[in-house]
PDB file of N, CA and C in Angstrom:
ATOM      1  N   UNK A   1      60.228 -27.435 -88.386  1.00  0.00           N
ATOM      2  CA  UNK A   1      60.908 -26.632 -89.602  1.00  0.00           C
ATOM      3  C   UNK A   1      61.457 -27.549 -90.615  1.00  0.00           C
ATOM      4  N   UNK A   2      60.879 -27.342 -91.831  1.00  0.00           N
ATOM      5  CA  UNK A   2      61.201 -28.171 -92.780  1.00  0.00           C
ATOM      6  C   UNK A   2      62.669 -27.995 -93.542  1.00  0.00           C
ATOM      7  N   UNK A   3      63.383 -29.423 -93.592  1.00  0.00           N
ATOM      8  CA  UNK A   3      64.580 -29.202 -94.130  1.00  0.00           C
ATOM      9  C   UNK A   3      64.661 -28.333 -95.513  1.00  0.00           C
ATOM     10  N   UNK A   4      65.756 -27.136 -95.542  1.00  0.00           N
ATOM     11  CA  UNK A   4      65.769 -26.445 -96.979  1.00  0.00           C
ATOM     12  C   UNK A   4      65.715 -26.966 -98.097  1.00  0.00           C
ATOM     13  N   UNK A   5      66.486 -27.967 -98.044  1.00  0.00           N
ATOM     14  CA  UNK A   5      66.447 -29.015 -98.910  1.00  0.00           C
ATOM     15  C   UNK A   5      65.664 -29.626 -99.802  1.00  0.00           C
ATOM     16  N   UNK A   6      64.404 -30.124 -98.590  1.00  0.00           N
ATOM     17  CA  UNK A   6      62.962 -30.915 -99.078  1.00  0.00           C
ATOM     18  C   UNK A   6      62.799 -29.876-100.418  1.00  0.00           C
ATOM     19  N   UNK A   7      62.478 -28.509-100.435  1.00  0.00           N
ATOM     20  CA  UNK A   7      61.931 -28.019-101.319  1.00  0.00           C
ATOM     21  C   UNK A   7      62.712 -28.051-102.564  1.00  0.00           C
ATOM     22  N   UNK A   8      64.055 -28.208-102.940  1.00  0.00           N
ATOM     23  CA  UNK A   8      64.470 -28.559-103.786  1.00  0.00           C
ATOM     24  C   UNK A   8      64.114 -29.719-104.440  1.00  0.00           C
ATOM     25  N   UNK A   9      64.106 -30.666-103.637  1.00  0.00           N
ATOM     26  CA  UNK A   9      64.158 -32.052-103.996  1.00  0.00           C
ATOM     27  C   UNK A   9      62.716 -32.117-104.732  1.00  0.00           C
ATOM     28  N   UNK A  10      61.584 -31.499-104.242  1.00  0.00           N
ATOM     29  CA  UNK A  10      60.271 -31.373-104.744  1.00  0.00           C
ATOM     30  C   UNK A  10      60.289 -30.906-106.051  1.00  0.00           C
ATOM     31  N   UNK A  11      60.838 -29.603-106.235  1.00  0.00           N
ATOM     32  CA  UNK A  11      61.058 -28.953-107.613  1.00  0.00           C
ATOM     33  C   UNK A  11      61.714 -29.893-108.833  1.00  0.00           C
ATOM     34  N   UNK A  12      63.135 -30.857-108.280  1.00  0.00           N
ATOM     35  CA  UNK A  12      63.423 -31.491-108.862  1.00  0.00           C
ATOM     36  C   UNK A  12      62.558 -32.956-109.455  1.00  0.00           C
ATOM     37  N   UNK A  13      61.897 -33.352-108.448  1.00  0.00           N
ATOM     38  CA  UNK A  13      60.807 -34.103-108.739  1.00  0.00           C
ATOM     39  C   UNK A  13      60.054 -34.181-110.071  1.00  0.00           C
ATOM     40  N   UNK A  14      59.410 -32.853-109.650  1.00  0.00           N
ATOM     41  CA  UNK A  14      58.434 -32.174-110.439  1.00  0.00           C
ATOM     42  C   UNK A  14      58.749 -32.129-111.972  1.00  0.00           C
ATOM     43  N   UNK A  15      60.290 -31.660-112.003  1.00  0.00           N
ATOM     44  CA  UNK A  15      60.932 -31.571-113.253  1.00  0.00           C
ATOM     45  C   UNK A  15      60.829 -32.884-114.066  1.00  0.00           C
ATOM     46  N   UNK A  16      61.470 -33.695-113.112  1.00  0.00           N
ATOM     47  CA  UNK A  16      61.659 -34.967-113.766  1.00  0.00           C
ATOM     48  C   UNK A  16      60.437 -35.513-114.303  1.00  0.00           C
ATOM     49  N   UNK A  17      59.628 -35.558-113.395  1.00  0.00           N
ATOM     50  CA  UNK A  17      58.063 -36.366-114.046  1.00  0.00           C
ATOM     51  C   UNK A  17      57.803 -35.321-115.540  1.00  0.00           C
ATOM     52  N   UNK A  18      58.149 -33.842-115.637  1.00  0.00           N
ATOM     53  CA  UNK A  18      57.532 -33.428-116.293  1.00  0.00           C
ATOM     54  C   UNK A  18      58.230 -33.738-117.729  1.00  0.00           C
ATOM     55  N   UNK A  19      59.421 -33.952-117.645  1.00  0.00           N
ATOM     56  CA  UNK A  19      60.459 -34.250-118.715  1.00  0.00           C
ATOM     57  C   UNK A  19      60.266 -35.564-119.236  1.00  0.00           C
ATOM     58  N   UNK A  20      59.791 -36.504-118.104  1.00  0.00           N
ATOM     59  CA  UNK A  20      59.557 -37.892-118.526  1.00  0.00           C
ATOM     60  C   UNK A  20      58.420 -38.231-119.439  1.00  0.00           C
ATOM     61  N   UNK A  21      57.462 -37.117-119.099  1.00  0.00           N
ATOM     62  CA  UNK A  21      55.863 -37.251-119.650  1.00  0.00           C
ATOM     63  C   UNK A  21      55.478 -36.716-120.640  1.00  0.00           C
ATOM     64  N   UNK A  22      56.061 -35.086-120.877  1.00  0.00           N
ATOM     65  CA  UNK A  22      55.644 -34.104-121.571  1.00  0.00           C
ATOM     66  C   UNK A  22      56.810 -33.686-122.518  1.00  0.00           C
ATOM     67  N   UNK A  23      58.108 -33.997-122.470  1.00  0.00           N
ATOM     68  CA  UNK A  23      59.129 -33.359-123.100  1.00  0.00           C
ATOM     69  C   UNK A  23      58.857 -33.335-124.562  1.00  0.00           C
ATOM     70  N   UNK A  24      58.365 -34.479-125.409  1.00  0.00           N
ATOM     71  CA  UNK A  24      58.061 -34.356-126.692  1.00  0.00           C
ATOM     72  C   UNK A  24      56.728 -33.792-127.192  1.00  0.00           C
ATOM     73  N   UNK A  25      56.104 -33.573-126.056  1.00  0.00           N
ATOM     74  CA  UNK A  25      54.653 -32.815-126.618  1.00  0.00           C
ATOM     75  C   UNK A  25      54.187 -32.073-125.590  1.00  0.00           C
ATOM     76  N   UNK A  26      54.994 -30.711-125.453  1.00  0.00           N
ATOM     77  CA  UNK A  26      54.761 -29.687-124.412  1.00  0.00           C
ATOM     78  C   UNK A  26      53.294 -29.200-124.686  1.00  0.00           C
ATOM     79  N   UNK A  27      53.068 -28.851-125.902  1.00  0.00           N
ATOM     80  CA  UNK A  27      51.789 -28.414-126.203  1.00  0.00           C
ATOM     81  C   UNK A  27      50.499 -28.919-125.487  1.00  0.00           C
ATOM     82  N   UNK A  28      50.629 -30.238-125.454  1.00  0.00           N
ATOM     83  CA  UNK A  28      49.684 -31.272-124.622  1.00  0.00           C
ATOM     84  C   UNK A  28      49.351 -30.594-123.305  1.00  0.00           C
ATOM     85  N   UNK A  29      50.408 -30.542-122.558  1.00  0.00           N
ATOM     86  CA  UNK A  29      50.528 -30.137-121.524  1.00  0.00           C
ATOM     87  C   UNK A  29      50.164 -28.774-121.375  1.00  0.00           C
ATOM     88  N   UNK A  30      50.705 -27.710-121.892  1.00  0.00           N
ATOM     89  CA  UNK A  30      50.618 -26.378-121.754  1.00  0.00           C
ATOM     90  C   UNK A  30      48.986 -26.096-122.462  1.00  0.00           C
ATOM     91  N   UNK A  31      48.523 -26.543-123.444  1.00  0.00           N
ATOM     92  CA  UNK A  31      47.367 -26.459-124.084  1.00  0.00           C
ATOM     93  C   UNK A  31      46.438 -26.396-123.052  1.00  0.00           C
ATOM     94  N   UNK A  32      46.444 -27.970-122.766  1.00  0.00           N
ATOM     95  CA  UNK A  32      45.433 -28.413-121.799  1.00  0.00           C
ATOM     96  C   UNK A  32      45.169 -27.365-120.582  1.00  0.00           C
ATOM     97  N   UNK A  33      46.496 -27.006-119.949  1.00  0.00           N
ATOM     98  CA  UNK A  33      46.281 -25.828-118.891  1.00  0.00           C
ATOM     99  C   UNK A  33      45.741 -24.785-119.268  1.00  0.00           C
ATOM    100  N   UNK A  34      46.320 -24.364-120.418  1.00  0.00           N
ATOM    101  CA  UNK A  34      45.653 -23.161-121.039  1.00  0.00           C
ATOM    102  C   UNK A  34      44.156 -23.002-121.308  1.00  0.00           C
ATOM    103  N   UNK A  35      43.363 -23.909-122.106  1.00  0.00           N
ATOM    104  CA  UNK A  35      42.188 -24.130-122.383  1.00  0.00           C
ATOM    105  C   UNK A  35      41.254 -24.198-120.723  1.00  0.00           C
ATOM    106  N   UNK A  36      41.644 -24.872-119.805  1.00  0.00           N
ATOM    107  CA  UNK A  36      41.128 -25.087-118.473  1.00  0.00           C
ATOM    108  C   UNK A  36      41.104 -23.702-118.266  1.00  0.00           C
ATOM    109  N   UNK A  37      41.855 -23.041-117.936  1.00  0.00           N
ATOM    110  CA  UNK A  37      42.198 -21.431-117.513  1.00  0.00           C
ATOM    111  C   UNK A  37      41.322 -20.531-118.300  1.00  0.00           C
ATOM    112  N   UNK A  38      41.094 -20.943-119.858  1.00  0.00           N
ATOM    113  CA  UNK A  38      40.493 -20.034-120.443  1.00  0.00           C
ATOM    114  C   UNK A  38      38.812 -20.029-120.035  1.00  0.00           C
ATOM    115  N   UNK A  39      38.614 -21.613-120.175  1.00  0.00           N
ATOM    116  CA  UNK A  39      37.341 -21.863-119.682  1.00  0.00           C
ATOM    117  C   UNK A  39      36.726 -21.374-118.256  1.00  0.00           C
ATOM    118  N   UNK A  40      37.785 -21.103-117.361  1.00  0.00           N
ATOM    119  CA  UNK A  40      37.406 -20.971-116.166  1.00  0.00           C
ATOM    120  C   UNK A  40      37.423 -19.371-116.031  1.00  0.00           C
ATOM    121  N   UNK A  41      38.191 -18.417-117.048  1.00  0.00           N
ATOM    122  CA  UNK A  41      37.920 -17.221-117.174  1.00  0.00           C
ATOM    123  C   UNK A  41      36.666 -16.755-117.760  1.00  0.00           C
ATOM    124  N   UNK A  42      36.304 -17.568-119.051  1.00  0.00           N
ATOM    125  CA  UNK A  42      35.081 -17.252-119.855  1.00  0.00           C
ATOM    126  C   UNK A  42      33.915 -17.266-118.710  1.00  0.00           C
ATOM    127  N   UNK A  43      33.989 -18.690-117.739  1.00  0.00           N
ATOM    128  CA  UNK A  43      32.924 -18.698-116.897  1.00  0.00           C
ATOM    129  C   UNK A  43      32.865 -17.690-116.048  1.00  0.00           C
ATOM    130  N   UNK A  44      33.840 -17.038-115.351  1.00  0.00           N
ATOM    131  CA  UNK A  44      33.919 -16.040-114.482  1.00  0.00           C
ATOM    132  C   UNK A  44      33.212 -14.642-114.919  1.00  0.00           C
ATOM    133  N   UNK A  45      33.673 -14.683-116.112  1.00  0.00           N
ATOM    134  CA  UNK A  45      33.246 -13.067-116.663  1.00  0.00           C
ATOM    135  C   UNK A  45      31.791 -13.332-117.241  1.00  0.00           C
ATOM    136  N   UNK A  46      31.311 -14.380-117.592  1.00  0.00           N
ATOM    137  CA  UNK A  46      29.678 -14.847-117.762  1.00  0.00           C
ATOM    138  C   UNK A  46      28.813 -14.707-116.535  1.00  0.00           C
ATOM    139  N   UNK A  47      29.638 -15.177-115.464  1.00  0.00           N
ATOM    140  CA  UNK A  47      28.838 -14.947-114.181  1.00  0.00           C
ATOM    141  C   UNK A  47      28.696 -13.632-113.835  1.00  0.00           C
ATOM    142  N   UNK A  48      29.775 -13.047-114.200  1.00  0.00           N
ATOM    143  CA  UNK A  48      29.886 -11.267-113.591  1.00  0.00           C
ATOM    144  C   UNK A  48      28.835 -10.737-114.502  1.00  0.00           C
ATOM    145  N   UNK A  49      28.791 -11.229-115.822  1.00  0.00           N
ATOM    146  CA  UNK A  49      27.653 -10.277-116.585  1.00  0.00           C
ATOM    147  C   UNK A  49      26.179 -10.859-116.197  1.00  0.00           C
ATOM    148  N   UNK A  50      26.097 -11.968-115.651  1.00  0.00           N
ATOM    149  CA  UNK A  50      24.704 -12.291-115.292  1.00  0.00           C
ATOM    150  C   UNK A  50      24.342 -11.766-113.946  1.00  0.00           C
ATOM    151  N   UNK A  51      25.302 -11.691-113.057  1.00  0.00           N
ATOM    152  CA  UNK A  51      25.369 -10.558-111.863  1.00  0.00           C
ATOM    153  C   UNK A  51      24.649  -9.267-112.306  1.00  0.00           C
ATOM    154  N   UNK A  52      25.239  -9.086-113.244  1.00  0.00           N
ATOM    155  CA  UNK A  52      25.319  -7.221-113.515  1.00  0.00           C
ATOM    156  C   UNK A  52      23.720  -7.455-114.104  1.00  0.00           C
ATOM    157  N   UNK A  53      23.178  -7.715-114.815  1.00  0.00           N
ATOM    158  CA  UNK A  53      22.268  -7.730-115.440  1.00  0.00           C
ATOM    159  C   UNK A  53      21.000  -8.253-115.107  1.00  0.00           C
ATOM    160  N   UNK A  54      21.190  -9.364-114.518  1.00  0.00           N
ATOM    161  CA  UNK A  54      20.048 -10.193-113.979  1.00  0.00           C
ATOM    162  C   UNK A  54      19.812 -10.119-112.368  1.00  0.00           C
ATOM    163  N   UNK A  55      20.879 -10.040-111.630  1.00  0.00           N
ATOM    164  CA  UNK A  55      21.179  -9.998-110.207  1.00  0.00           C
ATOM    165  C   UNK A  55      21.043  -8.610-109.668  1.00  0.00           C
ATOM    166  N   UNK A  56      21.396  -7.905-110.421  1.00  0.00           N
ATOM    167  CA  UNK A  56      21.469  -6.597-110.218  1.00  0.00           C
ATOM    168  C   UNK A  56      22.967  -6.257-109.194  1.00  0.00           C
ATOM    169  N   UNK A  57      23.689  -7.202-109.717  1.00  0.00           N
ATOM    170  CA  UNK A  57      25.093  -6.852-108.469  1.00  0.00           C
ATOM    171  C   UNK A  57      26.114  -6.099-109.296  1.00  0.00           C
ATOM    172  N   UNK A  58      26.715  -5.031-108.848  1.00  0.00           N
ATOM    173  CA  UNK A  58      27.481  -4.103-109.669  1.00  0.00           C
ATOM    174  C   UNK A  58      29.091  -5.064-109.707  1.00  0.00           C
ATOM    175  N   UNK A  59      29.538  -4.526-110.923  1.00  0.00           N
ATOM    176  CA  UNK A  59      30.795  -5.369-111.142  1.00  0.00           C
ATOM    177  C   UNK A  59      32.001  -5.075-110.009  1.00  0.00           C
ATOM    178  N   UNK A  60      31.786  -3.882-109.416  1.00  0.00           N
ATOM    179  CA  UNK A  60      32.566  -3.466-108.449  1.00  0.00           C
ATOM    180  C   UNK A  60      32.737  -4.280-107.198  1.00  0.00           C
ATOM    181  N   UNK A  61      31.178  -4.677-106.895  1.00  0.00           N
ATOM    182  CA  UNK A  61      31.090  -5.309-105.503  1.00  0.00           C
ATOM    183  C   UNK A  61      31.343  -7.057-105.740  1.00  0.00           C
ATOM    184  N   UNK A  62      31.916  -7.384-106.793  1.00  0.00           N
ATOM    185  CA  UNK A  62      32.364  -8.923-107.051  1.00  0.00           C
ATOM    186  C   UNK A  62      33.752  -8.710-107.534  1.00  0.00           C
ATOM    187  N   UNK A  63      34.506  -9.828-107.146  1.00  0.00           N
ATOM    188  CA  UNK A  63      35.813  -9.828-107.643  1.00  0.00           C
ATOM    189  C   UNK A  63      36.026 -10.799-109.024  1.00  0.00           C
ATOM    190  N   UNK A  64      34.551 -11.072-109.871  1.00  0.00           N
ATOM    191  CA  UNK A  64      34.627 -12.241-110.528  1.00  0.00           C
ATOM    192  C   UNK A  64      35.417 -11.224-111.850  1.00  0.00           C
ATOM    193  N   UNK A  65      35.104 -10.061-112.233  1.00  0.00           N
ATOM    194  CA  UNK A  65      35.813  -9.906-113.471  1.00  0.00           C
ATOM    195  C   UNK A  65      37.107  -9.843-113.495  1.00  0.00           C
ATOM    196  N   UNK A  66      37.854  -9.244-112.499  1.00  0.00           N
ATOM    197  CA  UNK A  66      39.262  -9.177-112.099  1.00  0.00           C
ATOM    198  C   UNK A  66      39.690 -10.891-112.399  1.00  0.00           C
ATOM    199  N   UNK A  67      39.145 -11.656-111.630  1.00  0.00           N
ATOM    200  CA  UNK A  67      39.362 -12.953-111.517  1.00  0.00           C
ATOM    201  C   UNK A  67      39.096 -13.697-113.113  1.00  0.00           C
ATOM    202  N   UNK A  68      38.222 -13.463-113.686  1.00  0.00           N
ATOM    203  CA  UNK A  68      38.105 -14.004-115.065  1.00  0.00           C
ATOM    204  C   UNK A  68      39.133 -13.512-115.836  1.00  0.00           C
ATOM    205  N   UNK A  69      39.370 -12.057-115.859  1.00  0.00           N
ATOM    206  CA  UNK A  69      40.388 -11.395-116.675  1.00  0.00           C
ATOM    207  C   UNK A  69      41.962 -12.241-116.374  1.00  0.00           C
ATOM    208  N   UNK A  70      42.161 -12.403-115.079  1.00  0.00           N
ATOM    209  CA  UNK A  70      43.285 -12.968-114.953  1.00  0.00           C
ATOM    210  C   UNK A  70      43.140 -14.589-115.516  1.00  0.00           C
ATOM    211  N   UNK A  71      42.358 -15.036-115.387  1.00  0.00           N
ATOM    212  CA  UNK A  71      42.259 -16.496-115.947  1.00  0.00           C
ATOM    213  C   UNK A  71      42.473 -16.743-117.700  1.00  0.00           C
ATOM    214  N   UNK A  72      41.884 -15.519-118.074  1.00  0.00           N
ATOM    215  CA  UNK A  72      41.950 -15.760-119.765  1.00  0.00           C
ATOM    216  C   UNK A  72      43.056 -15.122-120.080  1.00  0.00           C
ATOM    217  N   UNK A  73      44.048 -14.382-119.312  1.00  0.00           N
ATOM    218  CA  UNK A  73      45.517 -13.910-119.793  1.00  0.00           C
ATOM    219  C   UNK A  73      46.243 -15.176-119.514  1.00  0.00           C
ATOM    220  N   UNK A  74      46.010 -15.816-118.387  1.00  0.00           N
ATOM    221  CA  UNK A  74      46.774 -16.627-117.838  1.00  0.00           C
ATOM    222  C   UNK A  74      46.566 -18.132-118.770  1.00  0.00           C
ATOM    223  N   UNK A  75      45.726 -18.249-119.317  1.00  0.00           N
ATOM    224  CA  UNK A  75      45.296 -19.536-120.273  1.00  0.00           C
ATOM    225  C   UNK A  75      45.530 -18.964-121.631  1.00  0.00           C
ATOM    226  N   UNK A  76      45.743 -17.935-122.105  1.00  0.00           N
ATOM    227  CA  UNK A  76      46.311 -17.379-123.365  1.00  0.00           C
ATOM    228  C   UNK A  76      47.888 -17.447-123.220  1.00  0.00           C
ATOM    229  N   UNK A  77      48.508 -17.241-122.255  1.00  0.00           N
ATOM    230  CA  UNK A  77      49.851 -16.928-122.190  1.00  0.00           C
ATOM    231  C   UNK A  77      50.158 -18.885-122.252  1.00  0.00           C
ATOM    232  N   UNK A  78      49.411 -19.634-121.400  1.00  0.00           N
ATOM    233  CA  UNK A  78      49.789 -21.157-121.029  1.00  0.00           C
ATOM    234  C   UNK A  78      49.945 -21.623-122.868  1.00  0.00           C
ATOM    235  N   UNK A  79      48.843 -21.390-123.568  1.00  0.00           N
ATOM    236  CA  UNK A  79      48.681 -21.647-124.903  1.00  0.00           C
ATOM    237  C   UNK A  79      49.700 -21.190-125.645  1.00  0.00           C
ATOM    238  N   UNK A  80      50.356 -19.744-125.749  1.00  0.00           N
ATOM    239  CA  UNK A  80      51.208 -19.692-126.412  1.00  0.00           C
ATOM    240  C   UNK A  80      52.469 -20.109-125.999  1.00  0.00           C
ATOM    241  N   UNK A  81      52.885 -20.340-124.606  1.00  0.00           N
ATOM    242  CA  UNK A  81      53.884 -20.940-124.139  1.00  0.00           C
ATOM    243  C   UNK A  81      54.340 -22.512-124.939  1.00  0.00           C
ATOM    244  N   UNK A  82      53.193 -22.994-124.930  1.00  0.00           N
ATOM    245  CA  UNK A  82      52.995 -24.332-125.574  1.00  0.00           C
ATOM    246  C   UNK A  82      53.357 -24.223-127.115  1.00  0.00           C
ATOM    247  N   UNK A  83      52.921 -23.362-127.502  1.00  0.00           N
ATOM    248  CA  UNK A  83      53.268 -23.422-128.893  1.00  0.00           C
ATOM    249  C   UNK A  83      54.816 -22.892-129.161  1.00  0.00           C
ATOM    250  N   UNK A  84      55.292 -21.944-128.315  1.00  0.00           N
ATOM    251  CA  UNK A  84      56.860 -21.683-128.295  1.00  0.00           C
ATOM    252  C   UNK A  84      57.581 -22.945-128.036  1.00  0.00           C
ATOM    253  N   UNK A  85      56.864 -23.743-127.225  1.00  0.00           N
ATOM    254  CA  UNK A  85      57.720 -24.960-126.492  1.00  0.00           C
ATOM    255  C   UNK A  85      57.750 -25.799-127.891  1.00  0.00           C
ATOM    256  N   UNK A  86      56.664 -25.984-128.447  1.00  0.00           N
ATOM    257  CA  UNK A  86      56.539 -26.897-129.572  1.00  0.00           C
ATOM    258  C   UNK A  86      57.722 -26.446-130.701  1.00  0.00           C
ATOM    259  N   UNK A  87      57.710 -25.068-130.950  1.00  0.00           N
ATOM    260  CA  UNK A  87      58.810 -24.826-131.626  1.00  0.00           C
ATOM    261  C   UNK A  87      60.450 -25.214-131.392  1.00  0.00           C
ATOM    262  N   UNK A  88      60.675 -24.669-130.088  1.00  0.00           N
ATOM    263  CA  UNK A  88      61.795 -25.542-129.511  1.00  0.00           C
ATOM    264  C   UNK A  88      62.091 -26.647-129.648  1.00  0.00           C
ATOM    265  N   UNK A  89      61.044 -27.457-129.545  1.00  0.00           N
ATOM    266  CA  UNK A  89      61.651 -29.276-129.669  1.00  0.00           C
ATOM    267  C   UNK A  89      61.820 -29.644-131.206  1.00  0.00           C
ATOM    268  N   UNK A  90      61.080 -28.759-131.795  1.00  0.00           N
ATOM    269  CA  UNK A  90      61.237 -29.061-133.248  1.00  0.00           C
ATOM    270  C   UNK A  90      62.535 -28.475-133.527  1.00  0.00           C
ATOM    271  N   UNK A  91      63.255 -27.422-133.342  1.00  0.00           N
ATOM    272  CA  UNK A  91      64.385 -26.957-133.355  1.00  0.00           C
ATOM    273  C   UNK A  91      65.490 -28.001-132.802  1.00  0.00           C
ATOM    274  N   UNK A  92      65.181 -28.386-131.598  1.00  0.00           N
ATOM    275  CA  UNK A  92      66.098 -29.397-130.822  1.00  0.00           C
ATOM    276  C   UNK A  92      66.253 -30.918-131.677  1.00  0.00           C
ATOM    277  N   UNK A  93      65.572 -31.361-132.161  1.00  0.00           N
ATOM    278  CA  UNK A  93      65.500 -32.453-132.814  1.00  0.00           C
ATOM    279  C   UNK A  93      65.913 -32.222-134.216  1.00  0.00           C
ATOM    280  N   UNK A  94      65.766 -31.348-134.886  1.00  0.00           N
ATOM    281  CA  UNK A  94      66.284 -31.074-136.373  1.00  0.00           C
ATOM    282  C   UNK A  94      67.681 -30.538-136.002  1.00  0.00           C
ATOM    283  N   UNK A  95      68.018 -29.700-135.492  1.00  0.00           N
ATOM    284  CA  UNK A  95      69.379 -29.592-135.298  1.00  0.00           C
ATOM    285  C   UNK A  95      70.529 -30.658-134.723  1.00  0.00           C
ATOM    286  N   UNK A  96      69.889 -31.722-134.174  1.00  0.00           N
ATOM    287  CA  UNK A  96      70.602 -33.006-134.022  1.00  0.00           C
ATOM    288  C   UNK A  96      70.285 -34.211-135.203  1.00  0.00           C
ATOM    289  N   UNK A  97      69.519 -34.063-135.922  1.00  0.00           N
ATOM    290  CA  UNK A  97      69.104 -34.420-137.044  1.00  0.00           C
ATOM    291  C   UNK A  97      68.407 -35.871-136.477  1.00  0.00           C
ATOM    292  N   UNK A  98      67.494 -35.874-135.337  1.00  0.00           N
ATOM    293  CA  UNK A  98      66.843 -36.755-135.018  1.00  0.00           C
ATOM    294  C   UNK A  98      65.409 -36.926-135.135  1.00  0.00           C
ATOM    295  N   UNK A  99      64.613 -38.106-134.691  1.00  0.00           N
ATOM    296  CA  UNK A  99      63.304 -37.619-135.047  1.00  0.00           C
ATOM    297  C   UNK A  99      62.759 -37.879-133.839  1.00  0.00           C
ATOM    298  N   UNK A 100      61.617 -37.194-133.303  1.00  0.00           N
ATOM    299  CA  UNK A 100      61.116 -36.968-132.029  1.00  0.00           C
ATOM    300  C   UNK A 100      60.164 -38.378-131.625  1.00  0.00           C
ATOM    301  N   UNK A 101      60.066 -39.152-132.669  1.00  0.00           N
ATOM    302  CA  UNK A 101      59.522 -40.486-132.457  1.00  0.00           C
ATOM    303  C   UNK A 101      60.672 -41.702-132.819  1.00  0.00           C
ATOM    304  N   UNK A 102      60.101 -42.876-132.372  1.00  0.00           N
ATOM    305  CA  UNK A 102      60.951 -44.245-132.596  1.00  0.00           C
ATOM    306  C   UNK A 102      59.778 -45.205-132.987  1.00  0.00           C
ATOM    307  N   UNK A 103      60.256 -45.953-133.853  1.00  0.00           N
ATOM    308  CA  UNK A 103      59.750 -47.107-134.155  1.00  0.00           C
ATOM    309  C   UNK A 103      60.126 -48.296-133.134  1.00  0.00           C
ATOM    310  N   UNK A 104      59.208 -48.742-132.533  1.00  0.00           N
ATOM    311  CA  UNK A 104      59.583 -49.775-131.541  1.00  0.00           C
ATOM    312  C   UNK A 104      59.216 -51.178-132.365  1.00  0.00           C
ATOM    313  N   UNK A 105      58.275 -51.809-133.175  1.00  0.00           N
ATOM    314  CA  UNK A 105      58.185 -52.776-134.021  1.00  0.00           C
ATOM    315  C   UNK A 105      57.697 -52.655-135.629  1.00  0.00           C
ATOM    316  N   UNK A 106      57.854 -53.459-136.373  1.00  0.00           N
ATOM    317  CA  UNK A 106      57.022 -53.213-137.593  1.00  0.00           C
ATOM    318  C   UNK A 106      56.622 -54.692-137.670  1.00  0.00           C
ATOM    319  N   UNK A 107      55.478 -54.209-138.329  1.00  0.00           N
ATOM    320  CA  UNK A 107      54.707 -55.168-138.668  1.00  0.00           C
ATOM    321  C   UNK A 107      54.608 -55.809-140.404  1.00  0.00           C
ATOM    322  N   UNK A 108      54.706 -56.971-140.872  1.00  0.00           N
ATOM    323  CA  UNK A 108      54.513 -57.292-141.902  1.00  0.00           C
ATOM    324  C   UNK A 108      55.450 -56.465-143.194  1.00  0.00           C
ATOM    325  N   UNK A 109      56.614 -56.082-142.432  1.00  0.00           N
ATOM    326  CA  UNK A 109      57.713 -55.199-143.411  1.00  0.00           C
ATOM    327  C   UNK A 109      58.566 -56.324-144.280  1.00  0.00           C
ATOM    328  N   UNK A 110      58.796 -56.038-145.521  1.00  0.00           N
ATOM    329  CA  UNK A 110      59.602 -57.078-146.214  1.00  0.00           C
ATOM    330  C   UNK A 110      60.552 -55.922-146.604  1.00  0.00           C
ATOM    331  N   UNK A 111      62.176 -56.248-146.416  1.00  0.00           N
ATOM    332  CA  UNK A 111      62.866 -55.504-146.741  1.00  0.00           C
ATOM    333  C   UNK A 111      63.406 -56.232-148.020  1.00  0.00           C
ATOM    334  N   UNK A 112      63.667 -55.546-149.144  1.00  0.00           N
ATOM    335  CA  UNK A 112      64.504 -55.824-150.271  1.00  0.00           C
ATOM    336  C   UNK A 112      66.168 -56.291-150.190  1.00  0.00           C
TER     337      UNK A 112
END
């Protein structure tokens, strides 16, 4: 049997990885996941329509319409969640009067 704290450690590692890589650009993460999910949903729905009209297989005899609808809904939710996350990040930085970016080096910059 696995140690119960093992799952908490794994979840903490996932959070740390997410925050270090995607903290300033959550839409890149959620948008990518959302568009992949939307694409899978459209593919499943297209396959269901193909089966219905060309292979003469009923919608009821295949789970594709349900799976496609689920993927489309999850994809739309991910994209919208990414949009909400972007708004929250903008609010976070503006409330602290910070920039979400920093300049590491300037080239050919003359200060008067």
